[in-house]
Every structure is written in C-alpha cells, then in structure tokens.
C-alpha cells in the first residue's frame, strides 16, 4: 500500500476557519455540487464523489477537495485503499449557524451543458 493512499491530511479546527474562506470554497459550482451531494447522501468514497463530475481531470477534482477541506467544510480521511469524504455540517453549523442550510436550500445554478 502506498503512503499516498493512507496518509492523514490536516483538517483545520473550525474555530480557526474564517467566513471568507468558507464562502470562497462554496462559490465554485462544482464544489457546491459536491457539498450538496454530501449533505444529501452522507459520507462518500472519493470515487463516488467524482462520479458527479464526469470528465473532470483528477487534478481539478483533487484541488476542489483540498479547497473544501482547508475551508473546514469536509473531512477527507483514509479508509484502507480509499478515502472517505464527509461533510462537517454539525461543526460548520456551530461556527456559522444556519449558513450551510441557507446555501444548501438555495436553488442550484443553471449550468450550461
């Protein structure tokens, strides 16, 4: 097993997360779609998450995950040879009450085909 598939990634303490970082992470339609998917379906493996954006290069998808993780919105933890992505909703709600509910309840933006 390679070190890359099993290493733990740093996750910020929510007390250290600033609102502009959260809003920036949620400002990208692909990242917002991923957060919506996690909110609706619960924890997913990286492969399940990537299925929502077929054709997106792996490097772009990894960047989206990193941006969401560094903003404190998700956890990305090793699980054997996979990674499990989880929305940190309860923690974010404690730090920024009602923010995720407001964002997640807004209508998805129309994205050109």
C-alpha atoms as a PDB file:
ATOM      1  CA  UNK A   1       0.000   0.000   0.000  1.00  0.00           C
ATOM      2  CA  UNK A   2       1.452   3.353  -0.967  1.00  0.00           C
ATOM      3  CA  UNK A   3       1.914   6.125   1.540  1.00  0.00           C
ATOM      4  CA  UNK A   4      -0.243   8.476  -0.582  1.00  0.00           C
ATOM      5  CA  UNK A   5      -3.373   6.370  -0.118  1.00  0.00           C
ATOM      6  CA  UNK A   6      -3.018   6.011   3.653  1.00  0.00           C
ATOM      7  CA  UNK A   7      -1.716   9.369   4.846  1.00  0.00           C
ATOM      8  CA  UNK A   8      -3.862  11.567   7.026  1.00  0.00           C
ATOM      9  CA  UNK A   9      -4.499  15.054   5.729  1.00  0.00           C
ATOM     10  CA  UNK A  10      -4.611  18.107   8.003  1.00  0.00           C
ATOM     11  CA  UNK A  11      -8.080  19.421   8.819  1.00  0.00           C
ATOM     12  CA  UNK A  12      -8.451  22.871  10.362  1.00  0.00           C
ATOM     13  CA  UNK A  13     -10.119  23.428  13.690  1.00  0.00           C
ATOM     14  CA  UNK A  14     -13.404  25.195  12.913  1.00  0.00           C
ATOM     15  CA  UNK A  15     -12.595  27.923  15.452  1.00  0.00           C
ATOM     16  CA  UNK A  16      -9.715  28.900  13.161  1.00  0.00           C
ATOM     17  CA  UNK A  17     -11.798  28.986   9.963  1.00  0.00           C
ATOM     18  CA  UNK A  18     -12.836  32.399   8.656  1.00  0.00           C
ATOM     19  CA  UNK A  19     -16.108  33.064   6.825  1.00  0.00           C
ATOM     20  CA  UNK A  20     -14.435  34.366   3.618  1.00  0.00           C
ATOM     21  CA  UNK A  21     -12.624  31.022   3.196  1.00  0.00           C
ATOM     22  CA  UNK A  22     -15.901  29.114   3.564  1.00  0.00           C
ATOM     23  CA  UNK A  23     -17.728  31.391   1.136  1.00  0.00           C
ATOM     24  CA  UNK A  24     -14.878  31.170  -1.377  1.00  0.00           C
ATOM     25  CA  UNK A  25     -14.935  27.359  -1.205  1.00  0.00           C
ATOM     26  CA  UNK A  26     -18.697  27.343  -1.779  1.00  0.00           C
ATOM     27  CA  UNK A  27     -18.508  29.870  -4.629  1.00  0.00           C
ATOM     28  CA  UNK A  28     -17.432  27.296  -7.215  1.00  0.00           C
ATOM     29  CA  UNK A  29     -20.377  25.378  -8.746  1.00  0.00           C
ATOM     30  CA  UNK A  30     -18.512  22.046  -8.761  1.00  0.00           C
ATOM     31  CA  UNK A  31     -17.558  22.374  -5.087  1.00  0.00           C
ATOM     32  CA  UNK A  32     -21.083  23.470  -4.177  1.00  0.00           C
ATOM     33  CA  UNK A  33     -22.489  20.445  -6.034  1.00  0.00           C
ATOM     34  CA  UNK A  34     -20.143  18.185  -4.071  1.00  0.00           C
ATOM     35  CA  UNK A  35     -21.238  19.741  -0.753  1.00  0.00           C
ATOM     36  CA  UNK A  36     -24.881  19.270  -1.778  1.00  0.00           C
ATOM     37  CA  UNK A  37     -24.213  15.633  -2.630  1.00  0.00           C
ATOM     38  CA  UNK A  38     -22.517  15.023   0.726  1.00  0.00           C
ATOM     39  CA  UNK A  39     -25.379  16.723   2.575  1.00  0.00           C
ATOM     40  CA  UNK A  40     -27.956  14.579   0.771  1.00  0.00           C
ATOM     41  CA  UNK A  41     -26.155  11.227   0.750  1.00  0.00           C
ATOM     42  CA  UNK A  42     -23.742  11.305   3.666  1.00  0.00           C
ATOM     43  CA  UNK A  43     -20.104  10.182   3.550  1.00  0.00           C
ATOM     44  CA  UNK A  44     -18.838   9.011   0.174  1.00  0.00           C
ATOM     45  CA  UNK A  45     -15.671   7.486  -1.169  1.00  0.00           C
ATOM     46  CA  UNK A  46     -13.622   9.700  -3.441  1.00  0.00           C
ATOM     47  CA  UNK A  47     -14.670   7.558  -6.420  1.00  0.00           C
ATOM     48  CA  UNK A  48     -18.372   8.098  -5.612  1.00  0.00           C
ATOM     49  CA  UNK A  49     -17.857  11.861  -5.318  1.00  0.00           C
ATOM     50  CA  UNK A  50     -16.005  12.118  -8.596  1.00  0.00           C
ATOM     51  CA  UNK A  51     -18.876  10.438 -10.413  1.00  0.00           C
ATOM     52  CA  UNK A  52     -20.874  13.669 -10.058  1.00  0.00           C
ATOM     53  CA  UNK A  53     -18.450  15.484 -12.354  1.00  0.00           C
ATOM     54  CA  UNK A  54     -17.564  13.058 -15.150  1.00  0.00           C
ATOM     55  CA  UNK A  55     -14.768  14.249 -17.349  1.00  0.00           C
ATOM     56  CA  UNK A  56     -13.215  16.489 -14.673  1.00  0.00           C
ATOM     57  CA  UNK A  57      -9.458  15.891 -14.541  1.00  0.00           C
ATOM     58  CA  UNK A  58      -8.261  14.154 -11.378  1.00  0.00           C
ATOM     59  CA  UNK A  59      -6.042  17.141 -10.547  1.00  0.00           C
ATOM     60  CA  UNK A  60      -9.009  19.537 -10.703  1.00  0.00           C
ATOM     61  CA  UNK A  61     -11.127  17.249  -8.530  1.00  0.00           C
ATOM     62  CA  UNK A  62      -8.265  16.935  -6.018  1.00  0.00           C
ATOM     63  CA  UNK A  63      -7.994  20.726  -5.940  1.00  0.00           C
ATOM     64  CA  UNK A  64     -11.730  21.020  -5.184  1.00  0.00           C
ATOM     65  CA  UNK A  65     -11.395  18.528  -2.316  1.00  0.00           C
ATOM     66  CA  UNK A  66      -8.374  20.377  -0.937  1.00  0.00           C
ATOM     67  CA  UNK A  67     -10.169  23.745  -1.085  1.00  0.00           C
ATOM     68  CA  UNK A  68     -13.218  22.342   0.734  1.00  0.00           C
ATOM     69  CA  UNK A  69     -11.023  20.592   3.317  1.00  0.00           C
ATOM     70  CA  UNK A  70      -8.891  23.656   4.001  1.00  0.00           C
ATOM     71  CA  UNK A  71     -12.062  25.756   4.396  1.00  0.00           C
ATOM     72  CA  UNK A  72     -13.208  23.323   7.088  1.00  0.00           C
ATOM     73  CA  UNK A  73     -16.225  22.090   5.130  1.00  0.00           C
ATOM     74  CA  UNK A  74     -15.222  18.453   4.659  1.00  0.00           C
ATOM     75  CA  UNK A  75     -13.107  15.712   6.159  1.00  0.00           C
ATOM     76  CA  UNK A  76     -11.063  13.566   3.790  1.00  0.00           C
ATOM     77  CA  UNK A  77      -9.879  10.502   5.694  1.00  0.00           C
ATOM     78  CA  UNK A  78      -8.098   7.313   4.638  1.00  0.00           C
ATOM     79  CA  UNK A  79     -10.066   4.068   4.763  1.00  0.00           C
ATOM     80  CA  UNK A  80      -7.893   1.240   3.532  1.00  0.00           C
ATOM     81  CA  UNK A  81      -7.099   1.895  -0.112  1.00  0.00           C
ATOM     82  CA  UNK A  82      -9.834   4.522  -0.419  1.00  0.00           C
ATOM     83  CA  UNK A  83     -10.579   7.913   1.052  1.00  0.00           C
ATOM     84  CA  UNK A  84     -13.866   8.798   2.736  1.00  0.00           C
ATOM     85  CA  UNK A  85     -15.182  12.345   2.269  1.00  0.00           C
ATOM     86  CA  UNK A  86     -17.576  13.634   4.925  1.00  0.00           C
ATOM     87  CA  UNK A  87     -19.367  16.977   5.273  1.00  0.00           C
ATOM     88  CA  UNK A  88     -18.557  18.643   8.610  1.00  0.00           C
ATOM     89  CA  UNK A  89     -22.093  20.029   8.862  1.00  0.00           C
ATOM     90  CA  UNK A  90     -22.519  19.946  12.646  1.00  0.00           C
ATOM     91  CA  UNK A  91     -19.171  21.664  13.185  1.00  0.00           C
ATOM     92  CA  UNK A  92     -19.794  24.282  10.490  1.00  0.00           C
ATOM     93  CA  UNK A  93     -23.299  24.904  11.888  1.00  0.00           C
ATOM     94  CA  UNK A  94     -21.808  25.517  15.321  1.00  0.00           C
ATOM     95  CA  UNK A  95     -19.260  28.005  13.936  1.00  0.00           C
ATOM     96  CA  UNK A  96     -21.558  29.645  11.346  1.00  0.00           C
ATOM     97  CA  UNK A  97     -25.184  28.980  12.402  1.00  0.00           C
ATOM     98  CA  UNK A  98     -27.621  28.418   9.505  1.00  0.00           C
ATOM     99  CA  UNK A  99     -25.008  29.173   6.822  1.00  0.00           C
ATOM    100  CA  UNK A 100     -24.973  25.707   5.266  1.00  0.00           C
ATOM    101  CA  UNK A 101     -28.743  25.372   5.490  1.00  0.00           C
ATOM    102  CA  UNK A 102     -29.147  28.665   3.627  1.00  0.00           C
ATOM    103  CA  UNK A 103     -26.602  27.737   0.972  1.00  0.00           C
ATOM    104  CA  UNK A 104     -27.860  24.176   0.531  1.00  0.00           C
ATOM    105  CA  UNK A 105     -31.508  25.236   0.299  1.00  0.00           C
ATOM    106  CA  UNK A 106     -30.819  27.744  -2.450  1.00  0.00           C
ATOM    107  CA  UNK A 107     -31.716  26.637  -5.946  1.00  0.00           C
ATOM    108  CA  UNK A 108     -28.833  25.111  -7.873  1.00  0.00           C
ATOM    109  CA  UNK A 109     -27.454  27.456 -10.500  1.00  0.00           C
ATOM    110  CA  UNK A 110     -28.218  26.532 -14.089  1.00  0.00           C
ATOM    111  CA  UNK A 111     -25.037  25.191 -15.623  1.00  0.00           C
ATOM    112  CA  UNK A 112     -24.684  25.153 -19.396  1.00  0.00           C
ATOM    113  CA  UNK A 113     -24.380  21.702 -20.955  1.00  0.00           C
END
